[in-house]
Amino acid sequence: MALSVLLVDDTAFLRSMLREILETSGSYRVIAEASDGIAALTLQPELSPDLVVSDLIMPGLDGIEMTRALVGADPGVRVVVTAAEDQLGAALEALAAGAYDFLPKPFSREMVLQILSQRPAPPPPRGGSRVEYRIHFTLAADAPLKAARARVLLARCRQVGTVLETSPEGSHPHPPDPPEVLRIRLLSSYSQEFLRDWLGGLSEVENIVLEPLPTPEEVGDAPRRNGVGSLPGGIRLRASLLDRLLGRAESAREARARLAGILGLAPVPPETADALQALDQSLSDLQTDVLAARLVPFDRMALRLRRTVEVSARAMSRQASLVLQGGGTPLDLGTLEGIATILLRLLPRIIEAGVPRSDLLRQLGRPEAGEVRITASRAGSSLTLLCETGNPSSGTEPPEIEEEVMEQVRRLGGRIGILRQDDTWRIELVAPAGVAVVRSFLCQAGGRLFAVPVGSVERAMNLDTARIRVRQGRSVWEGEPGESIPLVRCGRAPWVEAEGASLTGFPALLYRVGPQRYALALDAVLGETDVVIRPSPGNVGSREVAGTAFLSDGGLALVPDLPHLARIG
């Protein structure tokens, strides 16, 4: 049976081209056309098409806002947007608004039919156990808008399970380099054969590697490899569980918001209002408890580190033990997981470079046992680790830090380096120590996503550009009588387009630094949401950025440093 389609585009030629592709295929029938988003909002409830295919840039109501309105009214509606190569930011925003997929321009018949033919997954099997899979998607080398395609693949994985982890390239809202490989860990009750066929058949997937991971019980029963791999107290499982709890709390909060919207259409009995208030409190308490459970002492990984030191030293004809100082230092469990991976790679190299062989020490009449010292300390939101050997030979060269380790440190938002003093050396690792769930405004400026904590903002507002003045080289807004509010921004100035034409107005967030008020100029305020914020060290990235926000859909946003923006204007 042919699927019904509503076409939305302000260009009649493009609507005609899509109509011809769809109707000549025999699998689709175009039941209506609309030239703008407002007309589409009127037609969709009346016609209930199987698909809505819409342009992004249209007069009046654009494709992004139309998608947000359609999906908000009916989460089951499938909207597919059309996007040109230079519209990556708009395509990502449409996907975040609820678009099911996108069609790259210029159109090809094969691509249109392949993308529109991708149906939702069937219901999961009943009573089946859930299995954790590691999935690697390789995108076609010539795939257009790769970052947007990666976000679609991530959304498809969420349709068939729970995404436990994804590579930063796939989750970043505006990655600097389009990803060619997307790495995902997925917990799913679907069979391995179904997942391989269904996910591997998605558009622009050149290759898929999908392998099941062992369960915790299988790991516990497996034979030890080098005495390290089978140690108890695995960190990853517990961090993943807490991440899933945070995600489920966010889903429950969204469901509560939808319920409140439905109840808002009719008088609500007092007991219902009390129940909603109690639900709000329970969800807040749950998030607080999960974050508290994430804070663990650094020596949580001590057993694994000690075993790694002992086994690695023996394999090199050396003797070494671990001395851990500051083991009670608290940090986030997710950060601990990343640091454990880094240290397990570093320790063998530190031993090789800084602990002499036992036979040489024996010949010199010196104690054969060496030490590896790790000192942990926390200052504010930063954790500092110092790794050194207790008695290195004079003049020994420190180990070379592998690029893979450097990349892992960067992913944590940290830095690593070698400190030299006289003839000795030690390795310093600095990383963010904690996270927090913060209600934030999700905003767009200069093609990037930003999360601005609600508590830092006095109010959101729309600024009329007719009241903008330039004084002493700085733009100000004549807001209230007798007050000039300096304008600050992230990226380009949104009130002036590239060709110099002035806009009539733009959104902004009003905030204070001391007695002075400032207006943060933006392209769009997308709404409020709870985000998990991880602070950034002061020397990482732009000084305008205070941290990274993890969104509920797996994406990332930047947290602007509002006081710093006020200083630089």
Protein backbone atom coordinates (compact mmCIF):
# COMPACT_ATOMS: atom_id res chain seq x y z
CA MET A 1 0.00 0.00 0.00
CA ALA A 2 1.37 3.41 -1.02
CA LEU A 3 2.33 5.78 1.80
CA SER A 4 0.70 9.23 1.87
CA VAL A 5 3.01 12.27 1.77
CA LEU A 6 2.58 15.97 2.49
CA LEU A 7 5.16 18.11 0.62
CA VAL A 8 6.15 21.46 2.17
CA ASP A 9 8.41 23.85 0.24
CA ASP A 10 8.12 27.47 -0.87
CA THR A 11 9.62 26.55 -4.28
CA ALA A 12 7.05 24.99 -6.60
CA PHE A 13 9.76 23.47 -8.83
CA LEU A 14 11.25 21.45 -5.95
CA ARG A 15 7.80 20.25 -4.88
CA SER A 16 7.16 19.14 -8.46
CA MET A 17 10.51 17.29 -8.61
CA LEU A 18 9.84 15.42 -5.36
CA ARG A 19 6.26 14.61 -6.43
CA GLU A 20 7.52 13.03 -9.66
CA ILE A 21 10.16 10.93 -7.83
CA LEU A 22 7.66 9.70 -5.25
CA GLU A 23 4.65 9.00 -7.42
CA THR A 24 6.55 7.28 -10.24
CA SER A 25 8.02 4.88 -7.69
CA GLY A 26 4.59 3.43 -6.99
CA SER A 27 5.26 3.36 -3.22
CA TYR A 28 4.06 6.88 -2.37
CA ARG A 29 1.20 9.20 -3.18
CA VAL A 30 1.37 12.95 -2.57
CA ILE A 31 -1.95 13.94 -0.98
CA ALA A 32 -1.23 17.68 -0.55
CA GLU A 33 1.34 20.42 -0.98
CA ALA A 34 2.06 23.49 1.16
CA SER A 35 4.27 26.50 0.47
CA ASP A 36 5.11 27.31 4.09
CA GLY A 37 5.12 25.86 7.60
CA ILE A 38 1.90 27.56 8.71
CA ALA A 39 -0.08 25.94 5.89
CA ALA A 40 1.48 22.58 6.76
CA LEU A 41 0.37 22.91 10.40
CA THR A 42 -3.19 23.39 9.14
CA LEU A 43 -3.13 20.49 6.66
CA GLN A 44 -1.35 17.82 8.72
CA PRO A 45 -4.05 17.25 11.39
CA GLU A 46 -6.74 17.09 8.71
CA LEU A 47 -4.91 14.70 6.36
CA SER A 48 -2.74 12.67 8.81
CA PRO A 49 -0.13 11.80 6.15
CA ASP A 50 2.34 8.96 6.73
CA LEU A 51 5.23 11.32 5.93
CA VAL A 52 5.84 15.08 5.91
CA VAL A 53 8.72 16.11 3.62
CA SER A 54 9.69 19.74 4.21
CA ASP A 55 12.27 22.33 3.26
CA LEU A 56 14.24 23.97 6.08
CA ILE A 57 14.32 27.61 4.97
CA MET A 58 10.87 29.08 4.22
CA PRO A 59 9.21 32.45 4.80
CA GLY A 60 6.97 32.77 7.82
CA LEU A 61 7.38 29.55 9.78
CA ASP A 62 10.53 27.66 8.78
CA GLY A 63 10.98 23.89 8.69
CA ILE A 64 12.63 23.73 12.11
CA GLU A 65 9.82 25.43 13.99
CA MET A 66 7.21 23.59 11.92
CA THR A 67 8.86 20.26 12.88
CA ARG A 68 8.93 21.22 16.55
CA ALA A 69 5.23 22.12 16.45
CA LEU A 70 4.17 18.98 14.55
CA VAL A 71 6.15 16.58 16.75
CA GLY A 72 5.04 18.41 19.89
CA ALA A 73 1.41 17.90 18.92
CA ASP A 74 1.87 14.33 17.67
CA PRO A 75 5.13 12.52 18.63
CA GLY A 76 4.29 9.79 16.10
CA VAL A 77 4.46 12.07 13.04
CA ARG A 78 7.46 11.39 10.74
CA VAL A 79 9.01 14.58 9.37
CA VAL A 80 11.86 14.39 6.84
CA VAL A 81 13.59 17.71 6.07
CA THR A 82 15.60 18.65 2.99
CA ALA A 83 19.03 20.21 3.59
CA ALA A 84 21.81 21.60 1.40
CA GLU A 85 25.50 20.97 2.12
CA ASP A 86 25.91 24.39 3.79
CA GLN A 87 22.92 23.86 6.12
CA LEU A 88 24.52 21.45 8.61
CA GLY A 89 23.60 23.57 11.63
CA ALA A 90 19.97 23.89 10.52
CA ALA A 91 19.75 20.15 9.77
CA LEU A 92 21.08 19.28 13.23
CA GLU A 93 18.63 21.69 14.82
CA ALA A 94 15.73 20.12 12.89
CA LEU A 95 16.80 16.65 14.07
CA ALA A 96 16.93 17.95 17.64
CA ALA A 97 13.42 19.35 17.13
CA GLY A 98 12.16 15.86 16.27
CA ALA A 99 12.75 15.35 12.53
CA TYR A 100 12.96 11.66 11.67
CA ASP A 101 15.58 12.05 8.92
CA PHE A 102 16.85 14.44 6.24
CA LEU A 103 17.22 14.42 2.44
CA PRO A 104 20.46 15.96 1.14
CA LYS A 105 20.24 18.47 -1.71
CA PRO A 106 20.63 18.22 -4.65
CA PHE A 107 18.17 15.32 -4.80
CA SER A 108 18.85 11.99 -6.42
CA ARG A 109 16.03 9.55 -7.02
CA GLU A 110 17.94 6.69 -5.37
CA MET A 111 18.73 8.67 -2.24
CA VAL A 112 15.16 9.98 -1.81
CA LEU A 113 13.63 6.52 -2.13
CA GLN A 114 16.25 4.87 0.10
CA ILE A 115 15.81 7.33 2.97
CA LEU A 116 12.01 7.47 2.83
CA SER A 117 11.79 3.68 2.72
CA GLN A 118 13.47 3.33 6.12
CA ARG A 119 10.64 2.26 8.43
CA PRO A 120 10.62 2.24 12.25
CA ALA A 121 11.79 -0.96 13.91
CA PRO A 122 9.12 -3.54 14.82
CA PRO A 123 8.22 -3.98 18.51
CA PRO A 124 11.00 -5.63 20.54
CA PRO A 125 10.69 -9.36 21.26
CA ARG A 126 8.79 -10.11 24.45
CA GLY A 127 10.58 -11.83 27.30
CA GLY A 128 14.03 -11.64 25.70
CA SER A 129 17.10 -10.77 27.73
CA ARG A 130 18.98 -7.53 27.02
CA VAL A 131 22.47 -7.80 25.57
CA GLU A 132 25.16 -5.12 25.40
CA TYR A 133 26.66 -4.59 21.93
CA ARG A 134 29.64 -2.64 20.62
CA ILE A 135 28.78 -1.11 17.24
CA HIS A 136 31.07 0.63 14.73
CA PHE A 137 29.36 2.40 11.82
CA THR A 138 31.59 3.42 8.89
CA LEU A 139 29.94 6.14 6.81
CA ALA A 140 30.41 6.39 3.05
CA ALA A 141 33.39 8.60 2.18
CA ASP A 142 31.21 10.90 0.02
CA ALA A 143 28.25 11.01 2.41
CA PRO A 144 26.83 14.55 2.57
CA LEU A 145 26.31 16.21 5.97
CA LYS A 146 28.10 13.40 7.82
CA ALA A 147 27.58 14.93 11.26
CA ALA A 148 23.81 15.02 10.68
CA ARG A 149 23.86 11.44 9.35
CA ALA A 150 25.70 10.36 12.50
CA ARG A 151 22.94 11.93 14.62
CA VAL A 152 20.29 10.01 12.63
CA LEU A 153 22.17 6.74 13.21
CA LEU A 154 22.34 7.54 16.91
CA ALA A 155 18.57 8.16 16.95
CA ARG A 156 17.97 4.83 15.17
CA CYS A 157 20.02 3.04 17.82
CA ARG A 158 17.84 4.62 20.49
CA GLN A 159 14.80 3.14 18.75
CA VAL A 160 16.10 -0.39 19.33
CA GLY A 161 17.72 -0.07 22.77
CA THR A 162 19.48 2.11 25.30
CA VAL A 163 22.62 3.91 24.15
CA LEU A 164 25.22 3.56 26.91
CA GLU A 165 28.08 5.37 25.23
CA THR A 166 28.89 7.06 21.93
CA SER A 167 32.00 8.60 20.43
CA PRO A 168 32.23 12.40 20.90
CA GLU A 169 32.10 12.91 17.13
CA GLY A 170 28.64 11.39 16.95
CA SER A 171 27.18 13.20 19.94
CA HIS A 172 28.69 16.66 19.46
CA PRO A 173 26.07 19.07 18.07
CA HIS A 174 28.60 20.77 15.77
CA PRO A 175 31.71 18.58 15.46
CA PRO A 176 34.75 20.36 13.98
CA ASP A 177 35.47 17.43 11.64
CA PRO A 178 32.62 15.33 10.16
CA PRO A 179 32.92 11.81 11.58
CA GLU A 180 33.46 8.83 9.28
CA VAL A 181 33.21 6.24 12.06
CA LEU A 182 30.55 6.33 14.77
CA ARG A 183 31.18 4.13 17.83
CA ILE A 184 28.26 3.18 20.04
CA ARG A 185 27.61 0.85 22.98
CA LEU A 186 23.99 -0.31 22.90
CA LEU A 187 21.89 -2.31 25.36
CA SER A 188 19.13 -4.05 23.36
CA SER A 189 16.71 -6.99 23.50
CA TYR A 190 16.76 -7.40 19.69
CA SER A 191 18.82 -10.22 18.20
CA GLN A 192 22.29 -9.64 16.82
CA GLU A 193 21.13 -10.71 13.33
CA PHE A 194 18.21 -8.25 13.31
CA LEU A 195 20.35 -5.34 14.52
CA ARG A 196 23.04 -6.03 11.92
CA ASP A 197 20.51 -6.17 9.06
CA TRP A 198 18.32 -3.25 10.19
CA LEU A 199 21.08 -0.84 11.23
CA GLY A 200 23.41 -1.91 8.42
CA GLY A 201 20.72 -1.14 5.85
CA LEU A 202 20.40 2.51 6.88
CA SER A 203 21.39 5.24 4.44
CA GLU A 204 25.10 6.05 3.96
CA VAL A 205 26.26 3.13 6.14
CA GLU A 206 29.16 1.65 4.20
CA ASN A 207 30.05 -0.96 6.83
CA ILE A 208 28.85 -2.04 10.26
CA VAL A 209 30.72 -4.07 12.89
CA LEU A 210 28.43 -5.32 15.65
CA GLU A 211 29.63 -7.59 18.43
CA PRO A 212 28.01 -8.61 21.72
CA LEU A 213 29.96 -7.82 24.89
CA PRO A 214 30.28 -10.31 27.77
CA THR A 215 27.93 -9.95 30.72
CA PRO A 216 29.36 -9.11 34.17
CA GLU A 217 28.85 -12.77 35.13
CA GLU A 218 30.82 -13.92 32.08
CA VAL A 219 33.58 -11.47 32.93
CA GLY A 220 33.70 -12.78 36.49
CA ASP A 221 33.91 -16.41 35.30
CA ALA A 222 36.46 -15.74 32.55
CA PRO A 223 40.11 -16.78 33.12
CA ARG A 224 42.47 -13.99 34.08
CA ARG A 225 44.60 -12.46 31.36
CA ASN A 226 47.87 -11.09 32.76
CA GLY A 227 46.15 -10.91 36.14
CA VAL A 228 44.38 -7.65 35.29
CA GLY A 229 41.35 -8.13 33.07
CA SER A 230 39.19 -10.11 35.49
CA LEU A 231 39.55 -8.00 38.63
CA PRO A 232 36.32 -7.35 40.54
CA GLY A 233 34.80 -3.94 41.08
CA GLY A 234 34.39 -2.96 37.40
CA ILE A 235 33.76 0.77 37.18
CA ARG A 236 32.18 1.00 33.73
CA LEU A 237 29.05 -1.00 34.59
CA ARG A 238 28.19 1.14 37.59
CA ALA A 239 28.86 4.43 35.82
CA SER A 240 26.67 3.29 32.93
CA LEU A 241 23.89 2.33 35.31
CA LEU A 242 23.92 5.76 36.94
CA ASP A 243 23.95 7.43 33.52
CA ARG A 244 20.89 5.40 32.56
CA LEU A 245 19.15 6.40 35.79
CA LEU A 246 19.78 10.05 34.98
CA GLY A 247 18.38 9.50 31.49
CA ARG A 248 15.29 7.79 32.85
CA ALA A 249 14.76 10.59 35.36
CA GLU A 250 14.89 13.06 32.47
CA SER A 251 12.39 10.96 30.48
CA ALA A 252 10.08 10.86 33.50
CA ARG A 253 10.37 14.64 33.84
CA GLU A 254 9.41 15.08 30.17
CA ALA A 255 6.45 12.73 30.61
CA ARG A 256 5.38 14.74 33.65
CA ALA A 257 5.56 17.95 31.56
CA ARG A 258 3.35 16.39 28.87
CA LEU A 259 0.89 15.23 31.53
CA ALA A 260 0.78 18.71 33.04
CA GLY A 261 0.07 20.13 29.57
CA ILE A 262 -2.85 17.74 29.11
CA LEU A 263 -4.26 18.48 32.56
CA GLY A 264 -3.85 22.18 31.92
CA LEU A 265 -6.71 22.02 29.42
CA ALA A 266 -9.25 21.33 32.19
CA PRO A 267 -9.75 22.20 35.87
CA VAL A 268 -7.41 20.13 38.03
CA PRO A 269 -8.53 18.83 41.45
CA PRO A 270 -6.30 19.87 44.37
CA GLU A 271 -5.19 16.28 44.96
CA THR A 272 -3.94 16.06 41.34
CA ALA A 273 -1.93 19.26 41.75
CA ASP A 274 -0.46 17.88 44.99
CA ALA A 275 0.46 14.64 43.21
CA LEU A 276 2.24 16.55 40.43
CA GLN A 277 4.15 18.59 43.01
CA ALA A 278 5.16 15.40 44.84
CA LEU A 279 6.29 13.89 41.52
CA ASP A 280 8.43 16.97 40.84
CA GLN A 281 10.07 16.62 44.24
CA SER A 282 10.69 12.89 43.75
CA LEU A 283 12.34 13.47 40.37
CA SER A 284 14.56 16.21 41.81
CA ASP A 285 15.51 13.96 44.73
CA LEU A 286 16.30 11.12 42.32
CA GLN A 287 18.65 13.29 40.28
CA THR A 288 20.30 14.57 43.45
CA ASP A 289 20.76 11.03 44.79
CA VAL A 290 22.20 9.77 41.50
CA LEU A 291 24.72 12.61 41.41
CA ALA A 292 25.65 11.92 45.03
CA ALA A 293 26.15 8.25 44.17
CA ARG A 294 28.46 9.28 41.32
CA LEU A 295 30.91 10.88 43.75
CA VAL A 296 33.34 8.18 44.85
CA PRO A 297 36.85 8.19 46.38
CA PHE A 298 39.80 7.94 44.04
CA ASP A 299 41.02 4.74 45.75
CA ARG A 300 37.95 2.98 44.32
CA MET A 301 40.33 1.86 41.54
CA ALA A 302 43.29 1.09 43.88
CA LEU A 303 43.03 -2.71 43.52
CA ARG A 304 43.18 -2.55 39.73
CA LEU A 305 46.13 -0.15 39.78
CA ARG A 306 48.10 -2.24 42.28
CA ARG A 307 47.60 -5.41 40.25
CA THR A 308 48.65 -3.60 37.06
CA VAL A 309 51.85 -2.33 38.70
CA GLU A 310 52.77 -5.76 40.10
CA VAL A 311 51.98 -7.75 36.96
CA SER A 312 53.63 -5.25 34.60
CA ALA A 313 56.79 -5.11 36.72
CA ARG A 314 57.07 -8.91 36.83
CA ALA A 315 56.71 -9.11 33.06
CA MET A 316 59.74 -6.76 32.74
CA SER A 317 61.92 -8.60 35.30
CA ARG A 318 61.32 -5.87 37.85
CA GLN A 319 59.69 -5.57 41.25
CA ALA A 320 57.39 -2.66 42.02
CA SER A 321 54.51 -1.76 44.30
CA LEU A 322 51.99 1.06 44.23
CA VAL A 323 51.95 3.83 46.84
CA LEU A 324 48.69 5.80 46.66
CA GLN A 325 48.33 9.13 48.44
CA GLY A 326 45.11 11.12 48.60
CA GLY A 327 43.00 8.03 47.96
CA GLY A 328 40.00 9.58 49.69
CA THR A 329 39.80 12.43 47.14
CA PRO A 330 36.21 12.45 45.76
CA LEU A 331 35.48 12.65 42.05
CA ASP A 332 32.78 11.75 39.58
CA LEU A 333 32.45 8.04 38.77
CA GLY A 334 32.38 8.71 35.03
CA THR A 335 35.63 10.70 35.32
CA LEU A 336 37.14 7.91 37.44
CA GLU A 337 36.33 5.46 34.68
CA GLY A 338 38.16 7.55 32.10
CA ILE A 339 41.14 8.12 34.40
CA ALA A 340 41.37 4.39 35.13
CA THR A 341 41.67 3.68 31.41
CA ILE A 342 44.44 6.27 31.07
CA LEU A 343 46.42 5.07 34.10
CA LEU A 344 46.22 1.42 33.05
CA ARG A 345 47.91 2.47 29.80
CA LEU A 346 50.49 4.72 31.50
CA LEU A 347 51.66 2.56 34.39
CA PRO A 348 53.57 -0.07 32.37
CA ARG A 349 55.46 2.69 30.57
CA ILE A 350 56.25 4.46 33.85
CA ILE A 351 57.62 1.21 35.27
CA GLU A 352 59.72 0.53 32.18
CA ALA A 353 61.23 4.02 32.27
CA GLY A 354 61.62 4.57 36.01
CA VAL A 355 62.03 1.23 37.80
CA PRO A 356 65.43 -0.48 37.21
CA ARG A 357 65.61 -4.20 36.53
CA SER A 358 65.95 -6.43 39.59
CA ASP A 359 69.21 -8.11 38.44
CA LEU A 360 70.89 -4.72 37.95
CA LEU A 361 69.83 -3.55 41.39
CA ARG A 362 71.08 -6.82 42.84
CA GLN A 363 74.51 -6.31 41.31
CA LEU A 364 74.63 -2.80 42.75
CA GLY A 365 73.64 -4.06 46.18
CA ARG A 366 70.50 -1.95 46.21
CA PRO A 367 66.95 -2.99 47.22
CA GLU A 368 65.30 -4.79 44.35
CA ALA A 369 61.77 -3.50 45.01
CA GLY A 370 60.78 -0.15 43.50
CA GLU A 371 57.78 2.07 43.99
CA VAL A 372 55.26 3.82 41.76
CA ARG A 373 53.63 6.74 43.53
CA ILE A 374 50.32 8.29 42.58
CA THR A 375 49.24 11.39 44.49
CA ALA A 376 45.66 12.65 44.06
CA SER A 377 44.47 16.09 45.13
CA ARG A 378 41.47 18.21 44.37
CA ALA A 379 41.19 21.99 44.13
CA GLY A 380 37.64 23.18 43.43
CA SER A 381 36.38 21.32 40.38
CA SER A 382 39.81 20.10 39.21
CA LEU A 383 41.53 16.83 40.06
CA THR A 384 45.34 16.66 39.86
CA LEU A 385 47.27 13.37 39.71
CA LEU A 386 51.05 13.13 40.00
CA CYS A 387 52.61 9.83 38.87
CA GLU A 388 56.28 9.12 39.60
CA THR A 389 58.67 6.38 40.60
CA GLY A 390 60.21 6.40 44.04
CA ASN A 391 63.81 5.77 43.05
CA PRO A 392 64.47 6.32 39.34
CA SER A 393 68.01 5.99 38.09
CA SER A 394 69.72 9.33 37.74
CA GLY A 395 69.22 10.83 34.30
CA THR A 396 66.60 8.35 33.07
CA GLU A 397 64.30 9.66 30.36
CA PRO A 398 60.56 9.78 31.11
CA PRO A 399 58.20 7.65 29.04
CA GLU A 400 56.71 9.03 25.86
CA ILE A 401 53.00 9.73 26.25
CA GLU A 402 51.15 8.02 23.41
CA GLU A 403 48.82 10.02 21.18
CA GLU A 404 45.95 7.71 22.10
CA VAL A 405 46.46 8.56 25.78
CA MET A 406 46.61 12.27 24.91
CA GLU A 407 43.30 11.92 23.04
CA GLN A 408 41.68 10.14 25.99
CA VAL A 409 42.78 12.98 28.28
CA ARG A 410 41.38 15.57 25.86
CA ARG A 411 38.06 13.74 25.81
CA LEU A 412 37.91 14.12 29.58
CA GLY A 413 38.48 17.86 29.15
CA GLY A 414 41.87 17.60 30.86
CA ARG A 415 45.58 17.95 30.14
CA ILE A 416 48.67 15.83 30.72
CA GLY A 417 52.36 16.66 30.74
CA ILE A 418 55.80 15.70 32.08
CA LEU A 419 57.34 17.81 34.86
CA ARG A 420 61.16 17.73 35.09
CA GLN A 421 63.26 18.75 38.06
CA ASP A 422 67.01 18.17 38.13
CA ASP A 423 67.48 14.52 37.07
CA THR A 424 63.98 13.37 38.03
CA TRP A 425 60.59 13.54 36.34
CA ARG A 426 56.94 12.92 37.05
CA ILE A 427 53.74 12.91 35.02
CA GLU A 428 50.96 15.36 35.86
CA LEU A 429 47.35 14.72 34.85
CA VAL A 430 44.68 17.37 35.47
CA ALA A 431 41.01 16.65 34.75
CA PRO A 432 37.56 17.94 35.79
CA ALA A 433 36.51 16.19 38.99
CA GLY A 434 32.74 16.40 39.00
CA VAL A 435 29.44 17.04 37.24
CA ALA A 436 26.14 18.68 38.12
CA VAL A 437 22.59 18.63 36.74
CA VAL A 438 21.59 22.23 36.03
CA ARG A 439 18.38 23.67 34.58
CA SER A 440 19.56 25.70 31.59
CA PHE A 441 18.45 27.74 28.61
CA LEU A 442 19.43 25.85 25.44
CA CYS A 443 20.49 28.51 22.93
CA GLN A 444 22.03 28.85 19.48
CA ALA A 445 24.59 31.48 18.49
CA GLY A 446 27.05 31.61 15.64
CA GLY A 447 26.19 28.08 14.50
CA ARG A 448 26.87 26.49 17.92
CA LEU A 449 24.72 25.27 20.80
CA PHE A 450 25.08 26.82 24.25
CA ALA A 451 23.58 25.92 27.63
CA VAL A 452 23.18 28.90 29.97
CA PRO A 453 22.20 28.02 33.57
CA VAL A 454 18.79 29.49 34.39
CA GLY A 455 20.06 30.60 37.81
CA SER A 456 22.60 32.89 36.13
CA VAL A 457 19.96 34.73 34.08
CA GLU A 458 17.62 37.50 35.18
CA ARG A 459 15.23 36.91 32.28
CA ALA A 460 14.97 36.04 28.59
CA MET A 461 13.93 38.89 26.31
CA ASN A 462 13.60 40.05 22.70
CA LEU A 463 15.66 43.10 21.76
CA ASP A 464 14.55 45.65 19.17
CA THR A 465 17.58 46.59 17.02
CA ALA A 466 16.19 50.12 16.61
CA ARG A 467 17.27 50.73 20.21
CA ILE A 468 20.87 49.56 19.72
CA ARG A 469 23.54 52.25 19.97
CA VAL A 470 27.34 52.16 19.64
CA ARG A 471 29.16 54.10 22.35
CA GLN A 472 32.92 54.21 22.71
CA GLY A 473 33.26 51.30 20.33
CA ARG A 474 30.81 49.07 22.24
CA SER A 475 27.23 48.13 21.34
CA VAL A 476 24.61 48.89 23.99
CA TRP A 477 20.84 48.50 24.12
CA GLU A 478 18.74 51.36 25.40
CA GLY A 479 16.43 49.10 27.35
CA GLU A 480 14.79 50.90 30.22
CA PRO A 481 14.76 54.68 30.76
CA GLY A 482 18.17 55.92 31.84
CA GLU A 483 19.87 52.52 31.48
CA SER A 484 22.25 51.40 28.74
CA ILE A 485 22.76 47.62 28.75
CA PRO A 486 26.03 46.44 27.11
CA LEU A 487 25.59 43.68 24.53
CA VAL A 488 27.86 40.63 24.68
CA ARG A 489 27.92 37.67 22.35
CA CYS A 490 29.32 34.22 21.56
CA GLY A 491 30.55 34.11 17.97
CA ARG A 492 29.24 36.59 15.39
CA ALA A 493 26.97 39.53 16.18
CA PRO A 494 23.47 38.21 15.38
CA TRP A 495 21.91 41.64 14.71
CA VAL A 496 24.02 42.19 11.56
CA GLU A 497 23.96 39.69 8.72
CA ALA A 498 26.95 38.98 6.48
CA GLU A 499 25.80 41.42 3.78
CA GLY A 500 25.24 44.12 6.38
CA ALA A 501 21.43 44.16 6.39
CA SER A 502 20.00 44.84 9.83
CA LEU A 503 17.57 42.45 11.48
CA THR A 504 14.49 43.81 13.21
CA GLY A 505 15.26 42.08 16.48
CA PHE A 506 16.87 39.12 18.17
CA PRO A 507 16.58 37.09 21.39
CA ALA A 508 18.85 37.70 24.36
CA LEU A 509 19.41 36.65 27.96
CA LEU A 510 19.73 39.40 30.55
CA TYR A 511 22.18 38.80 33.42
CA ARG A 512 24.16 40.72 36.04
CA VAL A 513 27.81 40.97 36.95
CA GLY A 514 27.94 43.06 40.10
CA PRO A 515 25.68 46.10 39.73
CA GLN A 516 25.86 46.11 35.90
CA ARG A 517 23.38 44.28 33.68
CA TYR A 518 24.43 42.69 30.38
CA ALA A 519 22.46 41.20 27.48
CA LEU A 520 23.84 38.01 25.88
CA ALA A 521 22.84 38.28 22.21
CA LEU A 522 21.74 35.02 20.55
CA ASP A 523 20.40 33.64 17.29
CA ALA A 524 17.70 31.63 19.09
CA VAL A 525 16.56 30.50 22.54
CA LEU A 526 15.39 26.92 21.97
CA GLY A 527 13.87 26.40 25.42
CA GLU A 528 14.74 25.17 28.91
CA THR A 529 16.10 21.73 29.76
CA ASP A 530 18.11 19.94 32.45
CA VAL A 531 21.70 19.27 31.38
CA VAL A 532 24.63 17.51 33.02
CA ILE A 533 27.45 20.07 33.21
CA ARG A 534 31.10 19.14 33.44
CA PRO A 535 33.34 22.16 34.12
CA SER A 536 36.37 22.77 31.92
CA PRO A 537 39.86 23.56 33.25
CA GLY A 538 40.77 27.17 32.66
CA ASN A 539 43.46 26.35 30.09
CA VAL A 540 41.32 24.09 27.90
CA GLY A 541 39.56 25.51 24.83
CA SER A 542 38.26 29.06 24.55
CA ARG A 543 38.35 31.31 27.59
CA GLU A 544 34.75 32.18 26.74
CA VAL A 545 33.70 28.63 27.68
CA ALA A 546 33.23 27.56 31.31
CA GLY A 547 32.26 23.94 30.70
CA THR A 548 30.48 21.32 28.62
CA ALA A 549 26.79 20.40 28.88
CA PHE A 550 25.61 16.85 28.13
CA LEU A 551 22.10 16.90 26.64
CA SER A 552 19.44 14.26 27.21
CA ASP A 553 19.63 13.17 23.54
CA GLY A 554 23.35 12.45 23.83
CA GLY A 555 24.43 15.73 22.25
CA LEU A 556 26.79 18.34 23.64
CA ALA A 557 26.53 22.09 24.20
CA LEU A 558 28.99 24.67 25.49
CA VAL A 559 28.52 26.57 28.75
CA PRO A 560 29.56 30.21 28.23
CA ASP A 561 31.63 32.04 30.85
CA LEU A 562 29.24 34.96 31.38
CA PRO A 563 31.55 37.11 33.57
CA HIS A 564 34.38 36.72 31.06
CA LEU A 565 32.09 37.70 28.17
CA ALA A 566 31.08 40.78 30.12
CA ARG A 567 34.74 41.76 30.52
CA ILE A 568 35.68 41.36 26.86
CA GLY A 569 32.41 42.68 25.43
